[in-house]
Each structure stands twice: as structure tokens, then as C-alpha cells.
Amino acid sequence: MKCIVCDTDAVGICKFCGRAICKEHLKTNLFITGYSSKSGSWDFGKNAVRVEDALWCGICHPEYKGTT
């Protein structure tokens, strides 16, 4: 697999878009996932999983939106 930016060997995959990235172009970004509480509503403050250093290509633009 080759880096989307420079075509050298990739070391990882962007968590947000799936693009391959090499060590030189690898960045990190906050990745948040959540699950529904028993009441059926989403509450990222109480039941979210946060990954502060998820692999990111720097090309895509992740957008976080509330569900309310």
C-alpha cells in the first residue's frame, strides 16, 4: 500500500476516510464514537469513547455533529 500524498510505503490508514499514509505525512486527530444510553439518547459527555491520537491523513475533514 502506498501513501496518498507521496506514494511511498504506507504505515497506517486514516481512521476517518481510509486513505493510506506514510510516517512522514501521518497526523493525529480526535476520534469520538458513542453508543446509545438506556434511555435511547446520545450523550457524548457520559458514554462516548474518545481517542485523542487516532491516525489521520490531514486531507479529509472530519465533522462532529450532535444527534439532537
N, C-alpha and C. Protein backbone atom coordinates (compact mmCIF):
# COMPACT_ATOMS: atom_id res chain seq x y z
N MET A 1 0.84 -1.17 0.00
CA MET A 1 0.00 0.00 0.00
C MET A 1 0.89 1.24 0.00
N LYS A 2 0.49 2.27 -0.71
CA LYS A 2 1.29 3.48 -0.87
C LYS A 2 0.58 4.69 -0.26
N CYS A 3 1.37 5.65 0.22
CA CYS A 3 0.86 6.88 0.81
C CYS A 3 0.10 7.69 -0.24
N ILE A 4 -1.03 8.24 0.16
CA ILE A 4 -1.86 9.05 -0.73
C ILE A 4 -1.14 10.34 -1.15
N VAL A 5 -0.21 10.82 -0.35
CA VAL A 5 0.46 12.09 -0.61
C VAL A 5 1.72 11.91 -1.47
N CYS A 6 2.60 10.97 -1.06
CA CYS A 6 3.92 10.91 -1.71
C CYS A 6 4.23 9.58 -2.38
N ASP A 7 3.34 8.63 -2.32
CA ASP A 7 3.48 7.34 -2.99
C ASP A 7 4.60 6.46 -2.42
N THR A 8 5.04 6.72 -1.17
CA THR A 8 5.99 5.81 -0.51
C THR A 8 5.18 4.78 0.28
N ASP A 9 5.86 3.80 0.85
CA ASP A 9 5.16 2.76 1.60
C ASP A 9 4.38 3.35 2.77
N ALA A 10 3.13 2.95 2.91
CA ALA A 10 2.28 3.44 3.99
C ALA A 10 2.54 2.67 5.27
N VAL A 11 2.31 3.34 6.41
CA VAL A 11 2.45 2.70 7.71
C VAL A 11 1.12 2.64 8.45
N GLY A 12 0.10 3.31 7.93
CA GLY A 12 -1.20 3.33 8.60
C GLY A 12 -2.31 3.76 7.68
N ILE A 13 -3.53 3.67 8.20
CA ILE A 13 -4.74 4.03 7.47
C ILE A 13 -5.48 5.10 8.27
N CYS A 14 -5.94 6.13 7.58
CA CYS A 14 -6.72 7.19 8.23
C CYS A 14 -8.00 6.60 8.83
N LYS A 15 -8.24 6.87 10.09
CA LYS A 15 -9.42 6.37 10.79
C LYS A 15 -10.70 6.98 10.23
N PHE A 16 -10.60 8.14 9.61
CA PHE A 16 -11.78 8.88 9.17
C PHE A 16 -12.19 8.59 7.73
N CYS A 17 -11.21 8.39 6.84
CA CYS A 17 -11.56 8.21 5.42
C CYS A 17 -10.98 6.95 4.79
N GLY A 18 -10.01 6.32 5.45
CA GLY A 18 -9.45 5.08 4.93
C GLY A 18 -8.27 5.24 3.99
N ARG A 19 -7.77 6.46 3.82
CA ARG A 19 -6.59 6.67 2.96
C ARG A 19 -5.34 6.13 3.64
N ALA A 20 -4.42 5.59 2.84
CA ALA A 20 -3.13 5.10 3.36
C ALA A 20 -2.19 6.29 3.55
N ILE A 21 -1.39 6.26 4.64
CA ILE A 21 -0.47 7.36 4.94
C ILE A 21 0.88 6.81 5.41
N CYS A 22 1.95 7.50 5.01
CA CYS A 22 3.30 7.11 5.42
C CYS A 22 3.64 7.80 6.74
N LYS A 23 4.79 7.45 7.31
CA LYS A 23 5.20 8.00 8.59
C LYS A 23 5.42 9.51 8.52
N GLU A 24 5.92 10.01 7.40
CA GLU A 24 6.20 11.44 7.24
C GLU A 24 4.91 12.27 7.21
N HIS A 25 3.85 11.76 6.60
CA HIS A 25 2.61 12.52 6.44
C HIS A 25 1.54 12.17 7.47
N LEU A 26 1.83 11.25 8.37
CA LEU A 26 0.89 10.83 9.39
C LEU A 26 0.62 11.96 10.38
N LYS A 27 -0.63 12.18 10.69
CA LYS A 27 -1.06 13.16 11.68
C LYS A 27 -2.02 12.45 12.63
N THR A 28 -2.40 13.12 13.70
CA THR A 28 -3.40 12.55 14.59
C THR A 28 -4.53 13.56 14.78
N ASN A 29 -5.69 13.04 15.16
CA ASN A 29 -6.86 13.87 15.37
C ASN A 29 -7.75 13.17 16.39
N LEU A 30 -8.66 13.91 16.98
CA LEU A 30 -9.60 13.36 17.93
C LEU A 30 -10.66 12.54 17.21
N PHE A 31 -10.85 11.31 17.65
CA PHE A 31 -11.91 10.44 17.12
C PHE A 31 -12.87 10.14 18.25
N ILE A 32 -14.15 10.40 18.03
CA ILE A 32 -15.17 10.16 19.05
C ILE A 32 -16.19 9.18 18.50
N THR A 33 -16.49 8.18 19.30
CA THR A 33 -17.59 7.28 18.98
C THR A 33 -18.43 7.14 20.23
N GLY A 34 -19.67 6.88 20.07
CA GLY A 34 -20.55 6.76 21.23
C GLY A 34 -21.52 5.63 21.04
N TYR A 35 -22.31 5.40 22.04
CA TYR A 35 -23.33 4.38 21.95
C TYR A 35 -24.56 4.89 22.67
N SER A 36 -25.68 4.34 22.34
CA SER A 36 -26.93 4.80 22.91
C SER A 36 -27.04 4.40 24.37
N SER A 37 -27.51 5.33 25.18
CA SER A 37 -27.74 5.01 26.59
C SER A 37 -29.05 4.23 26.71
N LYS A 38 -29.38 3.78 27.88
CA LYS A 38 -30.61 3.03 28.09
C LYS A 38 -31.85 3.84 27.73
N SER A 39 -31.76 5.14 27.85
CA SER A 39 -32.91 6.00 27.52
C SER A 39 -33.06 6.18 26.01
N GLY A 40 -32.07 5.74 25.25
CA GLY A 40 -32.16 5.85 23.80
C GLY A 40 -31.60 7.15 23.25
N SER A 41 -31.03 8.00 24.11
CA SER A 41 -30.46 9.26 23.62
C SER A 41 -28.94 9.17 23.64
N TRP A 42 -28.30 9.96 22.79
CA TRP A 42 -26.84 10.00 22.73
C TRP A 42 -26.35 11.08 23.67
N ASP A 43 -25.37 10.75 24.46
CA ASP A 43 -24.77 11.73 25.35
C ASP A 43 -23.26 11.53 25.31
N PHE A 44 -22.58 12.29 24.45
CA PHE A 44 -21.14 12.11 24.29
C PHE A 44 -20.37 12.46 25.56
N GLY A 45 -20.96 13.22 26.46
CA GLY A 45 -20.29 13.54 27.70
C GLY A 45 -20.26 12.39 28.68
N LYS A 46 -21.25 11.49 28.58
CA LYS A 46 -21.36 10.40 29.54
C LYS A 46 -20.95 9.04 29.00
N ASN A 47 -21.22 8.77 27.73
CA ASN A 47 -20.97 7.42 27.24
C ASN A 47 -20.24 7.39 25.90
N ALA A 48 -19.30 8.28 25.73
CA ALA A 48 -18.52 8.32 24.50
C ALA A 48 -17.15 7.71 24.71
N VAL A 49 -16.61 7.18 23.64
CA VAL A 49 -15.23 6.70 23.65
C VAL A 49 -14.43 7.72 22.86
N ARG A 50 -13.43 8.32 23.48
CA ARG A 50 -12.60 9.34 22.84
C ARG A 50 -11.20 8.80 22.62
N VAL A 51 -10.72 8.91 21.39
CA VAL A 51 -9.34 8.56 21.07
C VAL A 51 -8.67 9.84 20.62
N GLU A 52 -7.78 10.37 21.45
CA GLU A 52 -7.17 11.67 21.19
C GLU A 52 -6.17 11.63 20.03
N ASP A 53 -5.56 10.47 19.78
CA ASP A 53 -4.49 10.41 18.79
C ASP A 53 -4.76 9.37 17.70
N ALA A 54 -5.98 9.40 17.16
CA ALA A 54 -6.32 8.49 16.06
C ALA A 54 -5.57 8.91 14.80
N LEU A 55 -5.13 7.93 14.00
CA LEU A 55 -4.41 8.24 12.76
C LEU A 55 -5.30 9.05 11.82
N TRP A 56 -4.72 10.09 11.23
CA TRP A 56 -5.47 10.99 10.35
C TRP A 56 -4.56 11.39 9.19
N CYS A 57 -5.11 11.42 7.99
CA CYS A 57 -4.32 11.75 6.80
C CYS A 57 -4.06 13.25 6.66
N GLY A 58 -4.89 14.08 7.25
CA GLY A 58 -4.76 15.52 7.12
C GLY A 58 -5.42 16.07 5.87
N ILE A 59 -5.91 15.19 5.02
CA ILE A 59 -6.59 15.60 3.78
C ILE A 59 -8.09 15.71 4.00
N CYS A 60 -8.66 14.70 4.66
CA CYS A 60 -10.11 14.70 4.87
C CYS A 60 -10.46 15.68 6.01
N HIS A 61 -11.72 16.00 6.12
CA HIS A 61 -12.19 16.97 7.11
C HIS A 61 -13.30 16.36 7.96
N PRO A 62 -12.94 15.61 9.01
CA PRO A 62 -13.98 15.02 9.88
C PRO A 62 -14.83 16.11 10.50
N GLU A 63 -16.11 15.85 10.60
CA GLU A 63 -17.03 16.83 11.17
C GLU A 63 -17.87 16.16 12.25
N TYR A 64 -17.86 16.71 13.43
CA TYR A 64 -18.62 16.15 14.53
C TYR A 64 -19.96 16.86 14.62
N LYS A 65 -21.03 16.08 14.70
CA LYS A 65 -22.37 16.65 14.80
C LYS A 65 -23.12 15.99 15.94
N GLY A 66 -23.91 16.77 16.62
CA GLY A 66 -24.76 16.21 17.67
C GLY A 66 -25.96 15.51 17.04
N THR A 67 -26.63 14.73 17.84
CA THR A 67 -27.77 13.99 17.33
C THR A 67 -29.09 14.58 17.75
N THR A 68 -29.04 15.70 18.44
CA THR A 68 -30.29 16.31 18.90
C THR A 68 -30.76 17.37 17.97
